[in-house]
Amino acid sequence: MVNNAPIADFQSYVLMRSEYKGLLPDTLNRNLPQSSLIYTGNSPANRFYKDSNLLEGNIYYYRVYVLDIAELSQGSNELELVSNP
């Protein structure tokens, strides 16, 4: 469930993907490979993303970061998913 309450200093969401567990840090690290960045959303209303270019049956790890106007971030829990055909 996503809380739709307005966030005064909201800037964006950033979605990162990795093929390795534990690689994505708790706070956003801009030094991660660009291939890890798969989505940036500028509206709190954008809550859905369909990933593509995945290898069938592979395990992928995801983390969502919320950035404020000062570029401070906090990451979600890391999510592990297996890709489907």
N, C-alpha and C. Protein backbone atom coordinates (compact mmCIF):
# COMPACT_ATOMS: atom_id res chain seq x y z
N MET A 1 0.84 -1.17 0.00
CA MET A 1 0.00 0.00 0.00
C MET A 1 0.89 1.24 0.00
N VAL A 2 0.58 2.16 -0.85
CA VAL A 2 1.33 3.40 -0.95
C VAL A 2 0.51 4.52 -0.34
N ASN A 3 1.14 5.31 0.51
CA ASN A 3 0.46 6.45 1.10
C ASN A 3 0.47 7.59 0.10
N ASN A 4 -0.70 8.10 -0.25
CA ASN A 4 -0.80 9.16 -1.25
C ASN A 4 -0.76 10.56 -0.66
N ALA A 5 -0.39 10.69 0.61
CA ALA A 5 -0.29 12.01 1.22
C ALA A 5 0.78 12.82 0.51
N PRO A 6 0.55 14.11 0.27
CA PRO A 6 1.55 14.93 -0.41
C PRO A 6 2.83 15.05 0.43
N ILE A 7 3.94 15.04 -0.25
CA ILE A 7 5.23 15.19 0.39
C ILE A 7 5.80 16.52 -0.08
N ALA A 8 5.95 17.46 0.83
CA ALA A 8 6.32 18.83 0.47
C ALA A 8 7.64 18.91 -0.27
N ASP A 9 8.61 18.08 0.09
CA ASP A 9 9.92 18.20 -0.56
C ASP A 9 10.23 17.02 -1.48
N PHE A 10 9.19 16.33 -1.97
CA PHE A 10 9.38 15.21 -2.89
C PHE A 10 10.01 15.69 -4.19
N GLN A 11 11.00 14.94 -4.68
CA GLN A 11 11.60 15.23 -5.98
C GLN A 11 11.34 14.10 -6.97
N SER A 12 11.67 12.85 -6.60
CA SER A 12 11.50 11.75 -7.54
C SER A 12 11.62 10.39 -6.86
N TYR A 13 11.16 9.39 -7.60
CA TYR A 13 11.41 7.99 -7.27
C TYR A 13 12.50 7.50 -8.20
N VAL A 14 13.34 6.62 -7.72
CA VAL A 14 14.34 5.98 -8.57
C VAL A 14 14.24 4.48 -8.31
N LEU A 15 14.13 3.70 -9.38
CA LEU A 15 14.08 2.25 -9.28
C LEU A 15 15.39 1.68 -9.80
N MET A 16 16.03 0.85 -8.99
CA MET A 16 17.29 0.23 -9.36
C MET A 16 17.11 -1.28 -9.40
N ARG A 17 17.86 -1.93 -10.30
CA ARG A 17 17.82 -3.39 -10.44
C ARG A 17 19.23 -3.94 -10.42
N SER A 18 19.39 -5.10 -9.82
CA SER A 18 20.68 -5.77 -9.78
C SER A 18 20.46 -7.27 -9.96
N GLU A 19 21.46 -7.96 -10.47
CA GLU A 19 21.42 -9.41 -10.55
C GLU A 19 22.09 -10.04 -9.33
N TYR A 20 22.53 -9.20 -8.40
CA TYR A 20 23.25 -9.69 -7.22
C TYR A 20 22.59 -9.19 -5.95
N LYS A 21 22.30 -10.11 -5.05
CA LYS A 21 21.67 -9.78 -3.78
C LYS A 21 22.61 -8.90 -2.93
N GLY A 22 22.02 -7.88 -2.31
CA GLY A 22 22.78 -7.04 -1.39
C GLY A 22 23.64 -5.98 -2.04
N LEU A 23 23.62 -5.87 -3.38
CA LEU A 23 24.44 -4.88 -4.07
C LEU A 23 23.87 -3.47 -3.95
N LEU A 24 22.55 -3.35 -3.88
CA LEU A 24 21.91 -2.04 -3.85
C LEU A 24 21.90 -1.51 -2.42
N PRO A 25 22.51 -0.36 -2.17
CA PRO A 25 22.64 0.18 -0.81
C PRO A 25 21.33 0.75 -0.27
N ASP A 26 21.30 1.02 1.05
CA ASP A 26 20.11 1.58 1.70
C ASP A 26 19.79 2.99 1.20
N THR A 27 20.81 3.77 0.90
CA THR A 27 20.61 5.10 0.33
C THR A 27 21.16 5.11 -1.08
N LEU A 28 20.61 5.95 -1.93
CA LEU A 28 20.97 5.95 -3.35
C LEU A 28 22.43 6.35 -3.53
N ASN A 29 23.14 5.57 -4.29
CA ASN A 29 24.54 5.81 -4.60
C ASN A 29 24.65 6.06 -6.10
N ARG A 30 24.91 7.28 -6.49
CA ARG A 30 24.97 7.64 -7.91
C ARG A 30 26.18 7.01 -8.62
N ASN A 31 27.09 6.38 -7.86
CA ASN A 31 28.25 5.74 -8.47
C ASN A 31 27.97 4.32 -8.93
N LEU A 32 26.74 3.83 -8.69
CA LEU A 32 26.39 2.51 -9.19
C LEU A 32 26.34 2.55 -10.71
N PRO A 33 26.56 1.41 -11.37
CA PRO A 33 26.50 1.40 -12.84
C PRO A 33 25.15 1.90 -13.34
N GLN A 34 25.16 2.69 -14.41
CA GLN A 34 23.92 3.23 -14.96
C GLN A 34 22.96 2.12 -15.35
N SER A 35 23.49 0.94 -15.69
CA SER A 35 22.62 -0.17 -16.06
C SER A 35 21.72 -0.59 -14.91
N SER A 36 22.09 -0.22 -13.69
CA SER A 36 21.28 -0.55 -12.52
C SER A 36 20.05 0.34 -12.42
N LEU A 37 20.13 1.55 -12.97
CA LEU A 37 19.02 2.50 -12.94
C LEU A 37 18.04 2.14 -14.05
N ILE A 38 16.80 1.79 -13.68
CA ILE A 38 15.86 1.39 -14.72
C ILE A 38 14.65 2.31 -14.83
N TYR A 39 14.42 3.18 -13.83
CA TYR A 39 13.27 4.06 -13.91
C TYR A 39 13.43 5.24 -12.96
N THR A 40 13.04 6.41 -13.43
CA THR A 40 12.94 7.59 -12.58
C THR A 40 11.57 8.20 -12.80
N GLY A 41 10.84 8.43 -11.72
CA GLY A 41 9.52 9.03 -11.81
C GLY A 41 9.49 10.32 -11.03
N ASN A 42 8.84 11.33 -11.59
CA ASN A 42 8.82 12.65 -10.95
C ASN A 42 7.49 12.97 -10.28
N SER A 43 6.60 11.99 -10.18
CA SER A 43 5.31 12.23 -9.55
C SER A 43 5.04 11.12 -8.54
N PRO A 44 4.61 11.48 -7.34
CA PRO A 44 4.26 10.44 -6.36
C PRO A 44 3.13 9.54 -6.85
N ALA A 45 2.37 9.98 -7.86
CA ALA A 45 1.27 9.18 -8.38
C ALA A 45 1.77 8.03 -9.27
N ASN A 46 2.99 8.10 -9.78
CA ASN A 46 3.54 7.03 -10.62
C ASN A 46 4.02 5.89 -9.73
N ARG A 47 3.20 4.84 -9.64
CA ARG A 47 3.52 3.75 -8.74
C ARG A 47 3.72 2.43 -9.45
N PHE A 48 3.67 2.40 -10.78
CA PHE A 48 3.77 1.15 -11.52
C PHE A 48 4.88 1.22 -12.57
N TYR A 49 5.58 0.12 -12.72
CA TYR A 49 6.62 0.00 -13.75
C TYR A 49 6.69 -1.45 -14.18
N LYS A 50 6.71 -1.71 -15.48
CA LYS A 50 6.87 -3.06 -16.01
C LYS A 50 8.28 -3.16 -16.58
N ASP A 51 9.08 -4.02 -15.99
CA ASP A 51 10.46 -4.20 -16.41
C ASP A 51 10.50 -5.00 -17.72
N SER A 52 11.54 -4.80 -18.50
CA SER A 52 11.69 -5.51 -19.77
C SER A 52 13.16 -5.90 -19.95
N ASN A 53 13.43 -6.60 -21.02
CA ASN A 53 14.78 -7.07 -21.35
C ASN A 53 15.38 -7.93 -20.24
N LEU A 54 14.55 -8.81 -19.68
CA LEU A 54 14.99 -9.71 -18.64
C LEU A 54 15.19 -11.10 -19.23
N LEU A 55 16.10 -11.85 -18.67
CA LEU A 55 16.30 -13.23 -19.09
C LEU A 55 15.35 -14.12 -18.31
N GLU A 56 14.62 -14.99 -19.02
CA GLU A 56 13.62 -15.85 -18.41
C GLU A 56 14.24 -16.73 -17.32
N GLY A 57 13.59 -16.74 -16.17
CA GLY A 57 14.02 -17.58 -15.07
C GLY A 57 15.14 -17.00 -14.22
N ASN A 58 15.68 -15.84 -14.58
CA ASN A 58 16.73 -15.21 -13.78
C ASN A 58 16.15 -14.55 -12.55
N ILE A 59 16.96 -14.46 -11.50
CA ILE A 59 16.57 -13.75 -10.28
C ILE A 59 17.10 -12.33 -10.38
N TYR A 60 16.24 -11.35 -10.09
CA TYR A 60 16.62 -9.94 -10.09
C TYR A 60 16.24 -9.34 -8.74
N TYR A 61 17.02 -8.36 -8.32
CA TYR A 61 16.82 -7.68 -7.05
C TYR A 61 16.51 -6.22 -7.33
N TYR A 62 15.50 -5.69 -6.66
CA TYR A 62 15.03 -4.33 -6.90
C TYR A 62 15.01 -3.55 -5.59
N ARG A 63 15.23 -2.25 -5.74
CA ARG A 63 15.07 -1.34 -4.60
C ARG A 63 14.57 -0.01 -5.15
N VAL A 64 13.58 0.57 -4.47
CA VAL A 64 13.02 1.88 -4.84
C VAL A 64 13.58 2.90 -3.86
N TYR A 65 14.00 4.03 -4.40
CA TYR A 65 14.50 5.13 -3.58
C TYR A 65 13.59 6.33 -3.77
N VAL A 66 13.32 7.04 -2.70
CA VAL A 66 12.56 8.28 -2.76
C VAL A 66 13.55 9.40 -2.46
N LEU A 67 13.64 10.36 -3.38
CA LEU A 67 14.56 11.48 -3.21
C LEU A 67 13.78 12.74 -2.90
N ASP A 68 14.35 13.56 -2.02
CA ASP A 68 13.73 14.86 -1.75
C ASP A 68 14.51 15.94 -2.51
N ILE A 69 14.10 17.18 -2.37
CA ILE A 69 14.71 18.26 -3.15
C ILE A 69 16.17 18.49 -2.80
N ALA A 70 16.60 18.01 -1.65
CA ALA A 70 18.02 18.12 -1.26
C ALA A 70 18.83 16.91 -1.74
N GLU A 71 18.18 16.02 -2.56
CA GLU A 71 18.81 14.81 -3.08
C GLU A 71 19.11 13.80 -1.97
N LEU A 72 18.45 13.93 -0.82
CA LEU A 72 18.57 12.91 0.22
C LEU A 72 17.64 11.77 -0.14
N SER A 73 18.04 10.55 0.16
CA SER A 73 17.22 9.41 -0.25
C SER A 73 17.15 8.36 0.84
N GLN A 74 16.12 7.55 0.72
CA GLN A 74 15.98 6.37 1.57
C GLN A 74 15.46 5.25 0.68
N GLY A 75 16.09 4.10 0.77
CA GLY A 75 15.70 2.97 -0.07
C GLY A 75 14.68 2.08 0.62
N SER A 76 13.89 1.42 -0.20
CA SER A 76 12.94 0.43 0.30
C SER A 76 13.69 -0.84 0.69
N ASN A 77 12.98 -1.82 1.19
CA ASN A 77 13.57 -3.13 1.36
C ASN A 77 13.92 -3.68 -0.02
N GLU A 78 14.94 -4.50 -0.10
CA GLU A 78 15.31 -5.11 -1.38
C GLU A 78 14.30 -6.21 -1.69
N LEU A 79 13.81 -6.23 -2.92
CA LEU A 79 12.82 -7.19 -3.36
C LEU A 79 13.46 -8.17 -4.34
N GLU A 80 13.24 -9.46 -4.15
CA GLU A 80 13.78 -10.49 -5.02
C GLU A 80 12.66 -11.04 -5.88
N LEU A 81 12.86 -11.03 -7.22
CA LEU A 81 11.84 -11.54 -8.14
C LEU A 81 12.50 -12.44 -9.18
N VAL A 82 11.74 -13.43 -9.65
CA VAL A 82 12.19 -14.30 -10.74
C VAL A 82 11.40 -13.90 -11.97
N SER A 83 12.11 -13.69 -13.10
CA SER A 83 11.43 -13.23 -14.32
C SER A 83 10.64 -14.36 -14.96
N ASN A 84 9.51 -13.98 -15.56
CA ASN A 84 8.63 -14.90 -16.27
C ASN A 84 8.79 -14.69 -17.76
N PRO A 85 8.37 -15.68 -18.54
CA PRO A 85 8.44 -15.51 -20.01
C PRO A 85 7.50 -14.44 -20.50
